[in-house]
């Protein structure tokens, strides 16, 4: 399976107070931690919703500012246009991504149960997501995952989602 890795980084970081992607943990930015975890697991890596040195950027669809599903829609569209089979996604603020995440998620669609933006999304859900986002009420990742019958996968080691500065270990 040819995977596109997508780091979703278009959020406003309101709870964090500054750009989470640039926050430092163990000497590296949070976004660089995600990129490092994803690189060996995917054929190509992109950042959705943010310019980042050394990585291609994809725009949120249908527009910026609608939340992580906009970034996922942009990544799925990019994957569809470039012949990828699926998108492996994570927010830019997740620490502890396992080195075998695609294998743990199995065939998609599948999400990590407690952090749903970490997931494996077949390109075949692209049109469904774009149609879903036409309704401004449809912004919940959990609701979309349920809409497409995604499996919720429990990981043996929990991931860390950094939403506030005091969430950093």
C-alpha atoms as a PDB file:
ATOM      1  CA  UNK A   1       0.000   0.000   0.000  1.00  0.00           C
ATOM      2  CA  UNK A   2       1.397   3.386  -1.027  1.00  0.00           C
ATOM      3  CA  UNK A   3       0.893   5.785   1.895  1.00  0.00           C
ATOM      4  CA  UNK A   4       0.964   9.561   2.003  1.00  0.00           C
ATOM      5  CA  UNK A   5       1.839  10.875   5.441  1.00  0.00           C
ATOM      6  CA  UNK A   6      -0.052  14.020   6.384  1.00  0.00           C
ATOM      7  CA  UNK A   7       0.776  16.225   9.348  1.00  0.00           C
ATOM      8  CA  UNK A   8      -2.229  18.411  10.093  1.00  0.00           C
ATOM      9  CA  UNK A   9      -0.966  21.800  11.227  1.00  0.00           C
ATOM     10  CA  UNK A  10      -3.537  24.389  10.188  1.00  0.00           C
ATOM     11  CA  UNK A  11      -5.031  24.992  13.622  1.00  0.00           C
ATOM     12  CA  UNK A  12      -4.945  28.267  15.509  1.00  0.00           C
ATOM     13  CA  UNK A  13      -3.433  26.848  18.737  1.00  0.00           C
ATOM     14  CA  UNK A  14      -5.818  28.951  20.873  1.00  0.00           C
ATOM     15  CA  UNK A  15      -5.494  26.752  23.974  1.00  0.00           C
ATOM     16  CA  UNK A  16      -1.714  26.591  23.592  1.00  0.00           C
ATOM     17  CA  UNK A  17      -1.237  30.350  23.251  1.00  0.00           C
ATOM     18  CA  UNK A  18       1.365  30.131  20.467  1.00  0.00           C
ATOM     19  CA  UNK A  19       1.999  27.955  17.418  1.00  0.00           C
ATOM     20  CA  UNK A  20       2.049  24.354  18.695  1.00  0.00           C
ATOM     21  CA  UNK A  21       3.902  23.115  15.618  1.00  0.00           C
ATOM     22  CA  UNK A  22       6.885  25.242  16.661  1.00  0.00           C
ATOM     23  CA  UNK A  23       6.812  24.333  20.365  1.00  0.00           C
ATOM     24  CA  UNK A  24       9.933  22.547  21.528  1.00  0.00           C
ATOM     25  CA  UNK A  25      10.046  19.145  23.168  1.00  0.00           C
ATOM     26  CA  UNK A  26      13.367  17.352  23.771  1.00  0.00           C
ATOM     27  CA  UNK A  27      15.176  19.850  21.540  1.00  0.00           C
ATOM     28  CA  UNK A  28      12.893  19.479  18.485  1.00  0.00           C
ATOM     29  CA  UNK A  29       9.650  21.066  17.408  1.00  0.00           C
ATOM     30  CA  UNK A  30       6.475  19.080  17.890  1.00  0.00           C
ATOM     31  CA  UNK A  31       5.946  18.990  14.117  1.00  0.00           C
ATOM     32  CA  UNK A  32       9.463  17.610  13.621  1.00  0.00           C
ATOM     33  CA  UNK A  33       8.710  14.817  16.118  1.00  0.00           C
ATOM     34  CA  UNK A  34       5.698  13.772  14.018  1.00  0.00           C
ATOM     35  CA  UNK A  35       7.697  14.051  10.771  1.00  0.00           C
ATOM     36  CA  UNK A  36      10.485  11.909  12.216  1.00  0.00           C
ATOM     37  CA  UNK A  37       8.009   9.224  13.313  1.00  0.00           C
ATOM     38  CA  UNK A  38       6.197   9.210   9.946  1.00  0.00           C
ATOM     39  CA  UNK A  39       9.113   9.337   7.467  1.00  0.00           C
ATOM     40  CA  UNK A  40      10.031   5.631   7.603  1.00  0.00           C
ATOM     41  CA  UNK A  41       6.353   4.609   7.433  1.00  0.00           C
ATOM     42  CA  UNK A  42       5.185   6.521   4.334  1.00  0.00           C
ATOM     43  CA  UNK A  43       6.223   7.014   0.705  1.00  0.00           C
ATOM     44  CA  UNK A  44       5.903  10.815   0.969  1.00  0.00           C
ATOM     45  CA  UNK A  45       5.212  13.323   3.723  1.00  0.00           C
ATOM     46  CA  UNK A  46       3.225  16.577   3.499  1.00  0.00           C
ATOM     47  CA  UNK A  47       2.042  19.251   5.920  1.00  0.00           C
ATOM     48  CA  UNK A  48      -1.586  20.346   5.649  1.00  0.00           C
ATOM     49  CA  UNK A  49      -2.457  23.955   6.359  1.00  0.00           C
ATOM     50  CA  UNK A  50       1.007  25.332   7.157  1.00  0.00           C
ATOM     51  CA  UNK A  51       4.274  26.098   5.417  1.00  0.00           C
ATOM     52  CA  UNK A  52       7.146  24.082   6.918  1.00  0.00           C
ATOM     53  CA  UNK A  53      10.791  24.052   5.785  1.00  0.00           C
ATOM     54  CA  UNK A  54      11.697  20.953   3.791  1.00  0.00           C
ATOM     55  CA  UNK A  55       8.143  19.638   3.442  1.00  0.00           C
ATOM     56  CA  UNK A  56       5.507  20.142   0.777  1.00  0.00           C
ATOM     57  CA  UNK A  57       2.379  21.968   1.904  1.00  0.00           C
ATOM     58  CA  UNK A  58      -1.163  21.048   0.917  1.00  0.00           C
ATOM     59  CA  UNK A  59      -4.057  23.442   1.377  1.00  0.00           C
ATOM     60  CA  UNK A  60      -7.062  22.661   3.518  1.00  0.00           C
ATOM     61  CA  UNK A  61     -10.220  21.828   1.551  1.00  0.00           C
ATOM     62  CA  UNK A  62     -12.672  23.476   1.116  1.00  0.00           C
ATOM     63  CA  UNK A  63     -10.936  26.325   2.972  1.00  0.00           C
ATOM     64  CA  UNK A  64      -8.576  27.058   5.833  1.00  0.00           C
ATOM     65  CA  UNK A  65      -9.857  27.471   9.353  1.00  0.00           C
ATOM     66  CA  UNK A  66     -12.479  24.718   9.478  1.00  0.00           C
ATOM     67  CA  UNK A  67     -10.501  22.327  11.634  1.00  0.00           C
ATOM     68  CA  UNK A  68      -8.553  19.108  11.122  1.00  0.00           C
ATOM     69  CA  UNK A  69     -11.016  17.612   8.645  1.00  0.00           C
ATOM     70  CA  UNK A  70     -10.147  20.425   6.221  1.00  0.00           C
ATOM     71  CA  UNK A  71      -6.496  19.391   6.399  1.00  0.00           C
ATOM     72  CA  UNK A  72      -7.410  15.746   6.001  1.00  0.00           C
ATOM     73  CA  UNK A  73      -9.549  16.580   2.952  1.00  0.00           C
ATOM     74  CA  UNK A  74      -6.599  18.466   1.428  1.00  0.00           C
ATOM     75  CA  UNK A  75      -4.295  15.509   2.100  1.00  0.00           C
ATOM     76  CA  UNK A  76      -6.768  13.006   0.648  1.00  0.00           C
ATOM     77  CA  UNK A  77      -7.161  15.161  -2.455  1.00  0.00           C
ATOM     78  CA  UNK A  78      -3.367  15.338  -2.859  1.00  0.00           C
ATOM     79  CA  UNK A  79      -3.120  11.570  -2.366  1.00  0.00           C
ATOM     80  CA  UNK A  80      -5.857  10.985  -4.982  1.00  0.00           C
ATOM     81  CA  UNK A  81      -4.146  13.259  -7.525  1.00  0.00           C
ATOM     82  CA  UNK A  82      -0.760  11.532  -6.988  1.00  0.00           C
ATOM     83  CA  UNK A  83      -1.833   7.871  -6.945  1.00  0.00           C
ATOM     84  CA  UNK A  84      -1.481   7.085  -3.262  1.00  0.00           C
ATOM     85  CA  UNK A  85      -3.698   4.398  -1.749  1.00  0.00           C
ATOM     86  CA  UNK A  86      -4.268   5.993   1.638  1.00  0.00           C
ATOM     87  CA  UNK A  87      -3.321   8.816   3.996  1.00  0.00           C
ATOM     88  CA  UNK A  88      -1.699   8.219   7.362  1.00  0.00           C
ATOM     89  CA  UNK A  89      -2.569  11.309   9.407  1.00  0.00           C
ATOM     90  CA  UNK A  90      -1.594  12.947  12.654  1.00  0.00           C
ATOM     91  CA  UNK A  91      -1.923  16.347  14.190  1.00  0.00           C
ATOM     92  CA  UNK A  92       1.321  18.274  14.534  1.00  0.00           C
ATOM     93  CA  UNK A  93       0.952  18.043  18.311  1.00  0.00           C
ATOM     94  CA  UNK A  94       1.079  14.285  18.932  1.00  0.00           C
ATOM     95  CA  UNK A  95       4.024  12.715  20.742  1.00  0.00           C
ATOM     96  CA  UNK A  96       4.811   9.008  20.876  1.00  0.00           C
ATOM     97  CA  UNK A  97       3.626   7.798  17.472  1.00  0.00           C
ATOM     98  CA  UNK A  98       4.590   4.116  17.129  1.00  0.00           C
ATOM     99  CA  UNK A  99       7.043   2.993  14.458  1.00  0.00           C
ATOM    100  CA  UNK A 100       4.491   0.475  13.132  1.00  0.00           C
ATOM    101  CA  UNK A 101       1.393   2.675  13.096  1.00  0.00           C
ATOM    102  CA  UNK A 102       0.044   1.504   9.697  1.00  0.00           C
ATOM    103  CA  UNK A 103       0.254  -2.117  10.819  1.00  0.00           C
ATOM    104  CA  UNK A 104      -1.475  -1.298  14.113  1.00  0.00           C
ATOM    105  CA  UNK A 105      -4.289   0.484  12.276  1.00  0.00           C
ATOM    106  CA  UNK A 106      -4.638  -2.297   9.696  1.00  0.00           C
ATOM    107  CA  UNK A 107      -6.823  -1.655   6.715  1.00  0.00           C
ATOM    108  CA  UNK A 108      -8.521   1.707   6.839  1.00  0.00           C
ATOM    109  CA  UNK A 109     -10.500   3.543   7.581  1.00  0.00           C
ATOM    110  CA  UNK A 110      -9.220   3.337  11.124  1.00  0.00           C
ATOM    111  CA  UNK A 111      -8.477   5.839  13.875  1.00  0.00           C
ATOM    112  CA  UNK A 112      -6.661   5.779  17.191  1.00  0.00           C
ATOM    113  CA  UNK A 113      -9.557   5.581  19.649  1.00  0.00           C
ATOM    114  CA  UNK A 114      -8.549   8.452  21.937  1.00  0.00           C
ATOM    115  CA  UNK A 115      -6.933  10.730  19.291  1.00  0.00           C
ATOM    116  CA  UNK A 116      -9.071  10.363  16.168  1.00  0.00           C
ATOM    117  CA  UNK A 117      -7.022  12.588  13.893  1.00  0.00           C
ATOM    118  CA  UNK A 118      -4.336   9.908  14.061  1.00  0.00           C
ATOM    119  CA  UNK A 119      -5.669   7.542  11.470  1.00  0.00           C
ATOM    120  CA  UNK A 120      -5.436   5.641   8.245  1.00  0.00           C
ATOM    121  CA  UNK A 121      -7.817   6.926   5.572  1.00  0.00           C
ATOM    122  CA  UNK A 122      -8.248   5.206   2.197  1.00  0.00           C
ATOM    123  CA  UNK A 123      -8.276   7.620  -0.733  1.00  0.00           C
ATOM    124  CA  UNK A 124     -11.725   6.230  -1.555  1.00  0.00           C
ATOM    125  CA  UNK A 125     -13.209   8.361   1.288  1.00  0.00           C
ATOM    126  CA  UNK A 126     -12.028  11.616  -0.355  1.00  0.00           C
ATOM    127  CA  UNK A 127     -15.304  12.496  -2.069  1.00  0.00           C
ATOM    128  CA  UNK A 128     -17.345  11.469   0.971  1.00  0.00           C
ATOM    129  CA  UNK A 129     -15.302  13.812   3.174  1.00  0.00           C
ATOM    130  CA  UNK A 130     -15.502  16.730   0.746  1.00  0.00           C
ATOM    131  CA  UNK A 131     -19.287  16.263   0.513  1.00  0.00           C
ATOM    132  CA  UNK A 132     -19.493  15.942   4.332  1.00  0.00           C
ATOM    133  CA  UNK A 133     -17.676  19.254   4.790  1.00  0.00           C
ATOM    134  CA  UNK A 134     -20.245  21.094   2.634  1.00  0.00           C
ATOM    135  CA  UNK A 135     -22.414  21.194   5.776  1.00  0.00           C
ATOM    136  CA  UNK A 136     -20.845  23.643   8.286  1.00  0.00           C
ATOM    137  CA  UNK A 137     -22.161  21.467  11.134  1.00  0.00           C
ATOM    138  CA  UNK A 138     -19.892  18.598  10.058  1.00  0.00           C
ATOM    139  CA  UNK A 139     -16.550  19.365  11.691  1.00  0.00           C
ATOM    140  CA  UNK A 140     -16.204  16.514  14.204  1.00  0.00           C
ATOM    141  CA  UNK A 141     -13.531  13.957  13.363  1.00  0.00           C
ATOM    142  CA  UNK A 142     -15.295  11.318  15.476  1.00  0.00           C
ATOM    143  CA  UNK A 143     -18.595  11.905  13.678  1.00  0.00           C
ATOM    144  CA  UNK A 144     -16.954  11.645  10.268  1.00  0.00           C
ATOM    145  CA  UNK A 145     -15.051   8.514  11.317  1.00  0.00           C
ATOM    146  CA  UNK A 146     -18.329   6.959  12.449  1.00  0.00           C
ATOM    147  CA  UNK A 147     -20.047   8.105   9.239  1.00  0.00           C
ATOM    148  CA  UNK A 148     -17.573   6.057   7.165  1.00  0.00           C
ATOM    149  CA  UNK A 149     -17.532   3.123   9.634  1.00  0.00           C
ATOM    150  CA  UNK A 150     -13.945   3.608  10.775  1.00  0.00           C
ATOM    151  CA  UNK A 151     -12.560   1.127  13.235  1.00  0.00           C
ATOM    152  CA  UNK A 152     -11.387   2.592  16.565  1.00  0.00           C
ATOM    153  CA  UNK A 153      -8.048   1.083  17.521  1.00  0.00           C
ATOM    154  CA  UNK A 154      -6.735   1.050  21.090  1.00  0.00           C
ATOM    155  CA  UNK A 155      -2.949   1.318  21.275  1.00  0.00           C
ATOM    156  CA  UNK A 156      -0.951  -0.478  23.965  1.00  0.00           C
ATOM    157  CA  UNK A 157       1.030   2.704  24.671  1.00  0.00           C
ATOM    158  CA  UNK A 158      -1.074   5.873  24.793  1.00  0.00           C
ATOM    159  CA  UNK A 159      -0.164   8.838  22.614  1.00  0.00           C
ATOM    160  CA  UNK A 160       0.304  12.335  24.031  1.00  0.00           C
ATOM    161  CA  UNK A 161      -1.753  15.128  22.485  1.00  0.00           C
ATOM    162  CA  UNK A 162      -0.259  18.510  23.382  1.00  0.00           C
ATOM    163  CA  UNK A 163      -2.991  21.136  23.683  1.00  0.00           C
ATOM    164  CA  UNK A 164      -1.558  23.422  26.379  1.00  0.00           C
ATOM    165  CA  UNK A 165       2.021  24.260  27.367  1.00  0.00           C
ATOM    166  CA  UNK A 166       1.619  22.295  30.606  1.00  0.00           C
ATOM    167  CA  UNK A 167       0.822  19.158  28.548  1.00  0.00           C
ATOM    168  CA  UNK A 168       4.492  19.019  27.524  1.00  0.00           C
ATOM    169  CA  UNK A 169       6.342  16.382  29.544  1.00  0.00           C
END
